[in-house]
C-alpha atoms as a PDB file:
ATOM      1  CA  UNK A   1     -10.912 -53.825  40.076  1.00  0.00           C
ATOM      2  CA  UNK A   2      -8.380 -53.099  42.823  1.00  0.00           C
ATOM      3  CA  UNK A   3      -9.102 -49.362  42.659  1.00  0.00           C
ATOM      4  CA  UNK A   4     -12.844 -50.015  42.869  1.00  0.00           C
ATOM      5  CA  UNK A   5     -12.265 -52.069  46.024  1.00  0.00           C
ATOM      6  CA  UNK A   6     -10.231 -49.241  47.549  1.00  0.00           C
ATOM      7  CA  UNK A   7     -12.947 -46.705  46.744  1.00  0.00           C
ATOM      8  CA  UNK A   8     -15.586 -48.985  48.285  1.00  0.00           C
ATOM      9  CA  UNK A   9     -13.522 -49.319  51.469  1.00  0.00           C
ATOM     10  CA  UNK A  10     -13.038 -45.550  51.693  1.00  0.00           C
ATOM     11  CA  UNK A  11     -16.730 -44.931  51.012  1.00  0.00           C
ATOM     12  CA  UNK A  12     -17.553 -47.365  53.844  1.00  0.00           C
ATOM     13  CA  UNK A  13     -15.377 -45.251  56.156  1.00  0.00           C
ATOM     14  CA  UNK A  14     -17.289 -42.111  55.140  1.00  0.00           C
ATOM     15  CA  UNK A  15     -20.575 -43.960  55.699  1.00  0.00           C
ATOM     16  CA  UNK A  16     -19.593 -44.930  59.242  1.00  0.00           C
ATOM     17  CA  UNK A  17     -18.374 -41.397  60.015  1.00  0.00           C
ATOM     18  CA  UNK A  18     -21.710 -39.999  58.806  1.00  0.00           C
ATOM     19  CA  UNK A  19     -23.567 -42.525  60.966  1.00  0.00           C
ATOM     20  CA  UNK A  20     -21.837 -41.056  64.024  1.00  0.00           C
ATOM     21  CA  UNK A  21     -24.215 -38.083  63.884  1.00  0.00           C
ATOM     22  CA  UNK A  22     -27.200 -40.422  64.167  1.00  0.00           C
ATOM     23  CA  UNK A  23     -25.621 -42.733  66.748  1.00  0.00           C
ATOM     24  CA  UNK A  24     -24.563 -39.725  68.828  1.00  0.00           C
ATOM     25  CA  UNK A  25     -28.151 -38.430  68.821  1.00  0.00           C
ATOM     26  CA  UNK A  26     -29.342 -41.813  70.110  1.00  0.00           C
ATOM     27  CA  UNK A  27     -26.665 -42.160  72.806  1.00  0.00           C
ATOM     28  CA  UNK A  28     -27.218 -38.716  74.358  1.00  0.00           C
ATOM     29  CA  UNK A  29     -30.808 -39.736  75.089  1.00  0.00           C
ATOM     30  CA  UNK A  30     -29.387 -42.171  77.687  1.00  0.00           C
ATOM     31  CA  UNK A  31     -26.184 -40.484  78.888  1.00  0.00           C
ATOM     32  CA  UNK A  32     -24.912 -36.912  79.217  1.00  0.00           C
ATOM     33  CA  UNK A  33     -22.618 -35.662  76.413  1.00  0.00           C
ATOM     34  CA  UNK A  34     -19.511 -35.740  78.609  1.00  0.00           C
ATOM     35  CA  UNK A  35     -20.205 -39.328  79.741  1.00  0.00           C
ATOM     36  CA  UNK A  36     -20.793 -40.476  76.141  1.00  0.00           C
ATOM     37  CA  UNK A  37     -17.452 -38.893  75.187  1.00  0.00           C
ATOM     38  CA  UNK A  38     -15.641 -40.531  78.129  1.00  0.00           C
ATOM     39  CA  UNK A  39     -17.178 -43.998  77.626  1.00  0.00           C
ATOM     40  CA  UNK A  40     -16.297 -43.991  73.932  1.00  0.00           C
ATOM     41  CA  UNK A  41     -12.779 -42.671  74.536  1.00  0.00           C
ATOM     42  CA  UNK A  42     -12.143 -45.466  77.049  1.00  0.00           C
ATOM     43  CA  UNK A  43     -13.157 -47.998  74.391  1.00  0.00           C
ATOM     44  CA  UNK A  44     -11.062 -46.266  71.696  1.00  0.00           C
ATOM     45  CA  UNK A  45      -7.927 -46.042  73.873  1.00  0.00           C
ATOM     46  CA  UNK A  46      -8.199 -49.715  74.891  1.00  0.00           C
ATOM     47  CA  UNK A  47      -8.780 -50.786  71.276  1.00  0.00           C
ATOM     48  CA  UNK A  48      -5.899 -48.722  69.862  1.00  0.00           C
ATOM     49  CA  UNK A  49      -3.634 -49.801  72.722  1.00  0.00           C
ATOM     50  CA  UNK A  50      -4.271 -53.467  71.893  1.00  0.00           C
ATOM     51  CA  UNK A  51      -3.737 -53.286  68.136  1.00  0.00           C
ATOM     52  CA  UNK A  52      -0.946 -50.665  68.044  1.00  0.00           C
ATOM     53  CA  UNK A  53       1.048 -51.354  71.211  1.00  0.00           C
ATOM     54  CA  UNK A  54       4.262 -52.170  69.326  1.00  0.00           C
ATOM     55  CA  UNK A  55       4.257 -48.825  67.505  1.00  0.00           C
ATOM     56  CA  UNK A  56       3.308 -47.021  70.727  1.00  0.00           C
ATOM     57  CA  UNK A  57       6.100 -48.435  72.918  1.00  0.00           C
ATOM     58  CA  UNK A  58       8.699 -47.749  70.212  1.00  0.00           C
ATOM     59  CA  UNK A  59       7.743 -44.081  70.015  1.00  0.00           C
ATOM     60  CA  UNK A  60      10.238 -41.640  71.483  1.00  0.00           C
ATOM     61  CA  UNK A  61       8.696 -38.285  72.352  1.00  0.00           C
ATOM     62  CA  UNK A  62      10.576 -35.002  72.660  1.00  0.00           C
ATOM     63  CA  UNK A  63       9.309 -32.195  74.886  1.00  0.00           C
ATOM     64  CA  UNK A  64       7.988 -30.385  71.805  1.00  0.00           C
ATOM     65  CA  UNK A  65       6.194 -33.535  70.588  1.00  0.00           C
ATOM     66  CA  UNK A  66       4.557 -33.965  73.988  1.00  0.00           C
ATOM     67  CA  UNK A  67       3.418 -30.336  74.036  1.00  0.00           C
ATOM     68  CA  UNK A  68       1.847 -30.625  70.582  1.00  0.00           C
ATOM     69  CA  UNK A  69       0.182 -33.931  71.522  1.00  0.00           C
ATOM     70  CA  UNK A  70      -1.327 -32.296  74.622  1.00  0.00           C
ATOM     71  CA  UNK A  71      -2.659 -29.356  72.598  1.00  0.00           C
ATOM     72  CA  UNK A  72      -3.990 -31.734  69.917  1.00  0.00           C
ATOM     73  CA  UNK A  73      -5.590 -33.956  72.571  1.00  0.00           C
ATOM     74  CA  UNK A  74      -7.338 -31.006  74.224  1.00  0.00           C
ATOM     75  CA  UNK A  75      -8.525 -29.421  70.964  1.00  0.00           C
ATOM     76  CA  UNK A  76      -9.191 -32.424  68.746  1.00  0.00           C
ATOM     77  CA  UNK A  77     -10.439 -34.871  71.371  1.00  0.00           C
ATOM     78  CA  UNK A  78     -11.611 -33.258  74.639  1.00  0.00           C
ATOM     79  CA  UNK A  79     -13.234 -30.121  73.195  1.00  0.00           C
ATOM     80  CA  UNK A  80     -14.151 -31.744  69.890  1.00  0.00           C
ATOM     81  CA  UNK A  81     -15.859 -34.825  71.365  1.00  0.00           C
ATOM     82  CA  UNK A  82     -17.740 -32.939  74.082  1.00  0.00           C
ATOM     83  CA  UNK A  83     -18.944 -30.129  71.781  1.00  0.00           C
ATOM     84  CA  UNK A  84     -19.977 -32.722  69.175  1.00  0.00           C
ATOM     85  CA  UNK A  85     -22.264 -34.669  71.519  1.00  0.00           C
ATOM     86  CA  UNK A  86     -23.477 -31.524  73.299  1.00  0.00           C
ATOM     87  CA  UNK A  87     -24.419 -29.949  69.952  1.00  0.00           C
ATOM     88  CA  UNK A  88     -26.674 -32.908  69.133  1.00  0.00           C
ATOM     89  CA  UNK A  89     -28.777 -32.040  72.196  1.00  0.00           C
ATOM     90  CA  UNK A  90     -29.667 -28.677  70.665  1.00  0.00           C
ATOM     91  CA  UNK A  91     -29.569 -29.129  66.898  1.00  0.00           C
ATOM     92  CA  UNK A  92     -30.291 -31.788  64.286  1.00  0.00           C
ATOM     93  CA  UNK A  93     -27.655 -34.255  63.028  1.00  0.00           C
ATOM     94  CA  UNK A  94     -28.167 -32.772  59.557  1.00  0.00           C
ATOM     95  CA  UNK A  95     -27.196 -29.254  60.647  1.00  0.00           C
ATOM     96  CA  UNK A  96     -24.219 -30.563  62.635  1.00  0.00           C
ATOM     97  CA  UNK A  97     -23.001 -32.617  59.646  1.00  0.00           C
ATOM     98  CA  UNK A  98     -23.299 -29.682  57.237  1.00  0.00           C
ATOM     99  CA  UNK A  99     -21.360 -27.325  59.523  1.00  0.00           C
ATOM    100  CA  UNK A 100     -18.631 -29.910  60.120  1.00  0.00           C
ATOM    101  CA  UNK A 101     -18.320 -30.398  56.340  1.00  0.00           C
ATOM    102  CA  UNK A 102     -16.530 -27.034  56.183  1.00  0.00           C
ATOM    103  CA  UNK A 103     -13.627 -28.251  58.338  1.00  0.00           C
ATOM    104  CA  UNK A 104     -11.300 -28.893  55.330  1.00  0.00           C
ATOM    105  CA  UNK A 105     -11.824 -25.329  54.080  1.00  0.00           C
ATOM    106  CA  UNK A 106     -11.215 -23.807  57.521  1.00  0.00           C
ATOM    107  CA  UNK A 107      -8.080 -25.980  57.808  1.00  0.00           C
ATOM    108  CA  UNK A 108      -6.838 -24.645  54.491  1.00  0.00           C
ATOM    109  CA  UNK A 109      -7.569 -21.052  55.551  1.00  0.00           C
ATOM    110  CA  UNK A 110      -5.677 -21.546  58.817  1.00  0.00           C
ATOM    111  CA  UNK A 111      -2.746 -23.044  56.885  1.00  0.00           C
ATOM    112  CA  UNK A 112      -2.777 -19.954  54.678  1.00  0.00           C
ATOM    113  CA  UNK A 113      -2.603 -17.706  57.763  1.00  0.00           C
ATOM    114  CA  UNK A 114       0.052 -19.761  59.581  1.00  0.00           C
ATOM    115  CA  UNK A 115       2.271 -20.992  56.732  1.00  0.00           C
ATOM    116  CA  UNK A 116       1.537 -18.412  54.002  1.00  0.00           C
ATOM    117  CA  UNK A 117       0.353 -21.108  51.567  1.00  0.00           C
ATOM    118  CA  UNK A 118      -0.677 -19.655  48.208  1.00  0.00           C
ATOM    119  CA  UNK A 119      -4.355 -19.624  47.210  1.00  0.00           C
ATOM    120  CA  UNK A 120      -5.909 -18.225  44.025  1.00  0.00           C
ATOM    121  CA  UNK A 121      -9.225 -16.498  43.379  1.00  0.00           C
ATOM    122  CA  UNK A 122     -11.085 -19.743  42.675  1.00  0.00           C
ATOM    123  CA  UNK A 123     -10.229 -21.054  46.145  1.00  0.00           C
ATOM    124  CA  UNK A 124     -11.436 -17.861  47.834  1.00  0.00           C
ATOM    125  CA  UNK A 125     -14.644 -17.942  45.780  1.00  0.00           C
ATOM    126  CA  UNK A 126     -15.243 -21.520  46.936  1.00  0.00           C
ATOM    127  CA  UNK A 127     -14.579 -20.568  50.569  1.00  0.00           C
ATOM    128  CA  UNK A 128     -17.052 -17.654  50.390  1.00  0.00           C
ATOM    129  CA  UNK A 129     -19.731 -19.838  48.761  1.00  0.00           C
ATOM    130  CA  UNK A 130     -19.312 -22.517  51.448  1.00  0.00           C
ATOM    131  CA  UNK A 131     -19.497 -20.010  54.294  1.00  0.00           C
ATOM    132  CA  UNK A 132     -22.633 -18.493  52.772  1.00  0.00           C
ATOM    133  CA  UNK A 133     -24.098 -22.013  52.784  1.00  0.00           C
ATOM    134  CA  UNK A 134     -23.163 -22.447  56.462  1.00  0.00           C
ATOM    135  CA  UNK A 135     -24.584 -19.000  57.255  1.00  0.00           C
ATOM    136  CA  UNK A 136     -27.817 -19.974  55.523  1.00  0.00           C
ATOM    137  CA  UNK A 137     -28.071 -23.127  57.653  1.00  0.00           C
ATOM    138  CA  UNK A 138     -27.149 -21.740  61.085  1.00  0.00           C
ATOM    139  CA  UNK A 139     -29.411 -18.675  60.676  1.00  0.00           C
ATOM    140  CA  UNK A 140     -32.195 -20.861  59.239  1.00  0.00           C
ATOM    141  CA  UNK A 141     -32.296 -18.827  56.051  1.00  0.00           C
ATOM    142  CA  UNK A 142     -32.239 -15.397  57.693  1.00  0.00           C
ATOM    143  CA  UNK A 143     -28.525 -14.642  56.988  1.00  0.00           C
ATOM    144  CA  UNK A 144     -28.742 -10.989  58.118  1.00  0.00           C
ATOM    145  CA  UNK A 145     -30.927 -11.623  61.167  1.00  0.00           C
ATOM    146  CA  UNK A 146     -28.992 -13.219  64.041  1.00  0.00           C
ATOM    147  CA  UNK A 147     -30.807 -16.380  65.057  1.00  0.00           C
ATOM    148  CA  UNK A 148     -27.962 -18.761  65.878  1.00  0.00           C
ATOM    149  CA  UNK A 149     -28.815 -21.327  68.532  1.00  0.00           C
ATOM    150  CA  UNK A 150     -26.639 -23.082  71.095  1.00  0.00           C
ATOM    151  CA  UNK A 151     -26.428 -26.218  68.943  1.00  0.00           C
ATOM    152  CA  UNK A 152     -25.081 -24.304  65.960  1.00  0.00           C
ATOM    153  CA  UNK A 153     -22.465 -22.553  68.132  1.00  0.00           C
ATOM    154  CA  UNK A 154     -21.328 -25.903  69.556  1.00  0.00           C
ATOM    155  CA  UNK A 155     -21.170 -27.362  66.024  1.00  0.00           C
ATOM    156  CA  UNK A 156     -18.965 -24.440  64.954  1.00  0.00           C
ATOM    157  CA  UNK A 157     -16.683 -25.146  67.943  1.00  0.00           C
ATOM    158  CA  UNK A 158     -16.552 -28.817  66.879  1.00  0.00           C
ATOM    159  CA  UNK A 159     -15.609 -27.825  63.347  1.00  0.00           C
ATOM    160  CA  UNK A 160     -12.992 -25.250  64.377  1.00  0.00           C
ATOM    161  CA  UNK A 161     -11.354 -27.538  66.961  1.00  0.00           C
ATOM    162  CA  UNK A 162     -11.174 -30.323  64.360  1.00  0.00           C
ATOM    163  CA  UNK A 163      -9.576 -27.973  61.805  1.00  0.00           C
ATOM    164  CA  UNK A 164      -6.890 -26.932  64.311  1.00  0.00           C
ATOM    165  CA  UNK A 165      -6.397 -30.577  65.253  1.00  0.00           C
ATOM    166  CA  UNK A 166      -5.732 -31.509  61.605  1.00  0.00           C
ATOM    167  CA  UNK A 167      -2.996 -28.861  61.322  1.00  0.00           C
ATOM    168  CA  UNK A 168      -1.206 -30.087  64.453  1.00  0.00           C
ATOM    169  CA  UNK A 169      -1.531 -33.749  63.426  1.00  0.00           C
ATOM    170  CA  UNK A 170      -0.147 -32.949  59.976  1.00  0.00           C
ATOM    171  CA  UNK A 171       2.932 -31.444  61.677  1.00  0.00           C
ATOM    172  CA  UNK A 172       3.297 -34.363  64.114  1.00  0.00           C
ATOM    173  CA  UNK A 173       2.961 -36.938  61.322  1.00  0.00           C
ATOM    174  CA  UNK A 174       6.332 -35.844  59.940  1.00  0.00           C
ATOM    175  CA  UNK A 175       7.991 -37.510  62.962  1.00  0.00           C
ATOM    176  CA  UNK A 176       5.461 -39.843  64.595  1.00  0.00           C
ATOM    177  CA  UNK A 177       3.383 -42.761  63.301  1.00  0.00           C
ATOM    178  CA  UNK A 178      -0.373 -42.395  62.811  1.00  0.00           C
ATOM    179  CA  UNK A 179      -0.984 -45.113  65.429  1.00  0.00           C
ATOM    180  CA  UNK A 180       1.043 -43.268  68.072  1.00  0.00           C
ATOM    181  CA  UNK A 181      -0.552 -39.897  67.330  1.00  0.00           C
ATOM    182  CA  UNK A 182      -4.071 -41.357  67.427  1.00  0.00           C
ATOM    183  CA  UNK A 183      -3.436 -43.279  70.651  1.00  0.00           C
ATOM    184  CA  UNK A 184      -1.750 -40.469  72.589  1.00  0.00           C
ATOM    185  CA  UNK A 185      -4.209 -37.744  71.525  1.00  0.00           C
ATOM    186  CA  UNK A 186      -7.175 -39.912  72.532  1.00  0.00           C
ATOM    187  CA  UNK A 187      -5.509 -40.848  75.826  1.00  0.00           C
ATOM    188  CA  UNK A 188      -4.743 -37.198  76.623  1.00  0.00           C
ATOM    189  CA  UNK A 189      -8.258 -36.169  75.622  1.00  0.00           C
ATOM    190  CA  UNK A 190      -9.707 -38.801  77.951  1.00  0.00           C
ATOM    191  CA  UNK A 191      -7.494 -37.750  80.878  1.00  0.00           C
ATOM    192  CA  UNK A 192      -8.490 -34.086  80.399  1.00  0.00           C
ATOM    193  CA  UNK A 193     -12.231 -34.877  80.388  1.00  0.00           C
ATOM    194  CA  UNK A 194     -12.243 -37.179  83.445  1.00  0.00           C
ATOM    195  CA  UNK A 195     -11.765 -34.414  86.101  1.00  0.00           C
ATOM    196  CA  UNK A 196     -14.799 -32.561  84.680  1.00  0.00           C
ATOM    197  CA  UNK A 197     -16.973 -35.647  85.101  1.00  0.00           C
ATOM    198  CA  UNK A 198     -16.483 -36.492  88.807  1.00  0.00           C
ATOM    199  CA  UNK A 199     -19.967 -35.302  89.759  1.00  0.00           C
ATOM    200  CA  UNK A 200     -21.503 -37.029  86.738  1.00  0.00           C
ATOM    201  CA  UNK A 201     -20.526 -40.600  87.652  1.00  0.00           C
ATOM    202  CA  UNK A 202     -23.029 -40.808  90.521  1.00  0.00           C
ATOM    203  CA  UNK A 203     -25.759 -39.332  88.290  1.00  0.00           C
ATOM    204  CA  UNK A 204     -25.044 -41.658  85.379  1.00  0.00           C
ATOM    205  CA  UNK A 205     -27.742 -44.129  84.475  1.00  0.00           C
ATOM    206  CA  UNK A 206     -26.049 -47.531  84.650  1.00  0.00           C
ATOM    207  CA  UNK A 207     -29.315 -49.384  84.009  1.00  0.00           C
ATOM    208  CA  UNK A 208     -29.382 -48.529  80.314  1.00  0.00           C
ATOM    209  CA  UNK A 209     -30.458 -51.485  78.172  1.00  0.00           C
ATOM    210  CA  UNK A 210     -27.650 -53.667  76.788  1.00  0.00           C
ATOM    211  CA  UNK A 211     -28.304 -52.818  73.106  1.00  0.00           C
ATOM    212  CA  UNK A 212     -27.287 -49.201  73.804  1.00  0.00           C
ATOM    213  CA  UNK A 213     -24.073 -50.276  75.565  1.00  0.00           C
ATOM    214  CA  UNK A 214     -23.289 -52.522  72.597  1.00  0.00           C
ATOM    215  CA  UNK A 215     -24.037 -49.641  70.191  1.00  0.00           C
ATOM    216  CA  UNK A 216     -21.704 -47.375  72.172  1.00  0.00           C
ATOM    217  CA  UNK A 217     -18.835 -49.894  72.198  1.00  0.00           C
ATOM    218  CA  UNK A 218     -19.143 -51.139  68.614  1.00  0.00           C
ATOM    219  CA  UNK A 219     -19.573 -47.643  67.161  1.00  0.00           C
ATOM    220  CA  UNK A 220     -16.464 -46.434  69.015  1.00  0.00           C
ATOM    221  CA  UNK A 221     -14.379 -49.339  67.688  1.00  0.00           C
ATOM    222  CA  UNK A 222     -15.701 -49.174  64.112  1.00  0.00           C
ATOM    223  CA  UNK A 223     -16.026 -45.403  63.640  1.00  0.00           C
ATOM    224  CA  UNK A 224     -12.987 -44.119  65.537  1.00  0.00           C
ATOM    225  CA  UNK A 225     -10.788 -47.209  65.389  1.00  0.00           C
ATOM    226  CA  UNK A 226     -11.139 -49.396  62.298  1.00  0.00           C
ATOM    227  CA  UNK A 227     -12.436 -46.674  59.937  1.00  0.00           C
ATOM    228  CA  UNK A 228      -9.635 -44.242  60.818  1.00  0.00           C
ATOM    229  CA  UNK A 229      -6.950 -46.901  60.355  1.00  0.00           C
ATOM    230  CA  UNK A 230      -8.418 -48.108  57.036  1.00  0.00           C
ATOM    231  CA  UNK A 231      -8.715 -44.561  55.736  1.00  0.00           C
ATOM    232  CA  UNK A 232      -5.100 -43.696  56.554  1.00  0.00           C
ATOM    233  CA  UNK A 233      -3.924 -46.923  54.919  1.00  0.00           C
ATOM    234  CA  UNK A 234      -6.002 -46.859  51.725  1.00  0.00           C
ATOM    235  CA  UNK A 235      -5.901 -43.096  51.139  1.00  0.00           C
ATOM    236  CA  UNK A 236      -2.198 -43.340  50.265  1.00  0.00           C
ATOM    237  CA  UNK A 237      -2.988 -45.771  47.433  1.00  0.00           C
ATOM    238  CA  UNK A 238      -5.273 -43.410  45.482  1.00  0.00           C
ATOM    239  CA  UNK A 239      -4.025 -40.037  46.736  1.00  0.00           C
ATOM    240  CA  UNK A 240      -5.487 -37.603  49.260  1.00  0.00           C
ATOM    241  CA  UNK A 241      -7.180 -35.478  46.564  1.00  0.00           C
ATOM    242  CA  UNK A 242      -9.208 -38.371  45.164  1.00  0.00           C
ATOM    243  CA  UNK A 243     -10.001 -39.662  48.645  1.00  0.00           C
ATOM    244  CA  UNK A 244     -11.145 -36.228  49.855  1.00  0.00           C
ATOM    245  CA  UNK A 245     -13.823 -36.171  47.148  1.00  0.00           C
ATOM    246  CA  UNK A 246     -15.599 -39.011  48.966  1.00  0.00           C
ATOM    247  CA  UNK A 247     -15.836 -36.889  52.137  1.00  0.00           C
ATOM    248  CA  UNK A 248     -18.343 -34.688  50.322  1.00  0.00           C
ATOM    249  CA  UNK A 249     -20.864 -37.520  50.598  1.00  0.00           C
ATOM    250  CA  UNK A 250     -20.848 -37.369  54.416  1.00  0.00           C
ATOM    251  CA  UNK A 251     -23.589 -34.698  54.837  1.00  0.00           C
ATOM    252  CA  UNK A 252     -25.800 -36.430  52.248  1.00  0.00           C
ATOM    253  CA  UNK A 253     -25.408 -39.784  54.030  1.00  0.00           C
ATOM    254  CA  UNK A 254     -26.166 -38.095  57.368  1.00  0.00           C
ATOM    255  CA  UNK A 255     -29.355 -36.651  55.847  1.00  0.00           C
ATOM    256  CA  UNK A 256     -30.432 -40.059  54.538  1.00  0.00           C
ATOM    257  CA  UNK A 257     -29.720 -41.893  57.804  1.00  0.00           C
ATOM    258  CA  UNK A 258     -31.433 -39.143  59.804  1.00  0.00           C
ATOM    259  CA  UNK A 259     -34.557 -39.528  57.691  1.00  0.00           C
ATOM    260  CA  UNK A 260     -34.538 -43.344  58.008  1.00  0.00           C
ATOM    261  CA  UNK A 261     -33.722 -43.764  61.710  1.00  0.00           C
ATOM    262  CA  UNK A 262     -34.744 -40.475  63.348  1.00  0.00           C
ATOM    263  CA  UNK A 263     -37.539 -39.463  60.963  1.00  0.00           C
ATOM    264  CA  UNK A 264     -35.891 -36.051  60.646  1.00  0.00           C
ATOM    265  CA  UNK A 265     -36.031 -34.745  57.092  1.00  0.00           C
ATOM    266  CA  UNK A 266     -33.908 -31.912  55.666  1.00  0.00           C
ATOM    267  CA  UNK A 267     -35.589 -28.537  55.267  1.00  0.00           C
ATOM    268  CA  UNK A 268     -35.389 -26.567  52.031  1.00  0.00           C
ATOM    269  CA  UNK A 269     -32.894 -24.182  53.687  1.00  0.00           C
ATOM    270  CA  UNK A 270     -30.652 -27.125  54.670  1.00  0.00           C
ATOM    271  CA  UNK A 271     -30.804 -28.517  51.118  1.00  0.00           C
ATOM    272  CA  UNK A 272     -29.903 -25.164  49.533  1.00  0.00           C
ATOM    273  CA  UNK A 273     -27.178 -24.615  52.116  1.00  0.00           C
ATOM    274  CA  UNK A 274     -25.729 -28.096  51.545  1.00  0.00           C
ATOM    275  CA  UNK A 275     -25.564 -27.480  47.769  1.00  0.00           C
ATOM    276  CA  UNK A 276     -23.649 -24.235  48.355  1.00  0.00           C
ATOM    277  CA  UNK A 277     -21.274 -25.979  50.785  1.00  0.00           C
ATOM    278  CA  UNK A 278     -20.676 -28.824  48.312  1.00  0.00           C
ATOM    279  CA  UNK A 279     -20.002 -26.399  45.455  1.00  0.00           C
ATOM    280  CA  UNK A 280     -17.627 -24.399  47.635  1.00  0.00           C
ATOM    281  CA  UNK A 281     -15.762 -27.502  48.798  1.00  0.00           C
ATOM    282  CA  UNK A 282     -15.308 -28.730  45.220  1.00  0.00           C
ATOM    283  CA  UNK A 283     -13.934 -25.340  44.150  1.00  0.00           C
ATOM    284  CA  UNK A 284     -11.555 -25.261  47.129  1.00  0.00           C
ATOM    285  CA  UNK A 285     -10.294 -28.811  46.605  1.00  0.00           C
ATOM    286  CA  UNK A 286      -9.812 -28.547  42.856  1.00  0.00           C
ATOM    287  CA  UNK A 287      -8.891 -24.867  42.533  1.00  0.00           C
ATOM    288  CA  UNK A 288      -5.481 -25.731  41.010  1.00  0.00           C
ATOM    289  CA  UNK A 289      -7.014 -28.083  38.434  1.00  0.00           C
ATOM    290  CA  UNK A 290      -9.728 -25.553  37.549  1.00  0.00           C
ATOM    291  CA  UNK A 291      -7.122 -22.811  37.100  1.00  0.00           C
ATOM    292  CA  UNK A 292      -5.082 -25.106  34.813  1.00  0.00           C
ATOM    293  CA  UNK A 293      -8.151 -25.944  32.715  1.00  0.00           C
ATOM    294  CA  UNK A 294      -9.071 -22.274  32.349  1.00  0.00           C
ATOM    295  CA  UNK A 295      -5.486 -21.430  31.365  1.00  0.00           C
ATOM    296  CA  UNK A 296      -5.432 -24.215  28.751  1.00  0.00           C
ATOM    297  CA  UNK A 297      -8.774 -23.066  27.355  1.00  0.00           C
ATOM    298  CA  UNK A 298      -7.440 -19.525  26.924  1.00  0.00           C
ATOM    299  CA  UNK A 299      -4.350 -20.900  25.092  1.00  0.00           C
ATOM    300  CA  UNK A 300      -6.511 -22.956  22.720  1.00  0.00           C
ATOM    301  CA  UNK A 301      -8.860 -20.065  21.932  1.00  0.00           C
END
């Protein structure tokens, strides 16, 4: 019963993360992408500062830690947040969600390049299948013909910046608490974006109806604050491998919510592409287990 509760909590986190694609599409109808990013980061920094201030003030940063936090803040917050909201101006939430679903594979590939981590043939097969699925989606089924739009390029930037961010955070987590890393990267990301928005403040529509302001604030707190903290806490109890399986539901949830709230339905190309991405992700995540099963089967036969 306890494990079921943990899985339900983690699934709720995935649900809220998937909803961010829909909420982002709604918010950029009222504010520019950079202003949406800045408004939400202000809320996130204030929220994290209030609930994690003890861990934050106890943190002692070395020069190397500060450098990595700055790089992580620029990549994983400034670039990632802006490209995410900007991409939703030019592509559907479904396409954005499917491209971002490949972030774990790209992270693993980058780890292989940087740290020489071993990977077998099953992993590489999964990576190729996933990238074919992404290629199918961003080229709208053409694959060979180049027909990639601005939204797809921005979604790829979002995915790549997030993958690099995960590698840096994984290194920082050996010395710093999750609360400190999350707070400082969001604060740095906010400070980097502000200078680029000076001309936007006078053009910002401040007369937006209250429900949209409430949606902006609550979604920032729930999606980037509470969900992230719950995930980091509960993931340790069932293991990262089991928890990562739930992340595969994110594109499917994004598709469902997009159909319900935005009346945008997945195309056949997006469905086929999503199946390839899901298959590839499963092969990449469980390549060690699959290799063990195949080895045991050969021994038995």
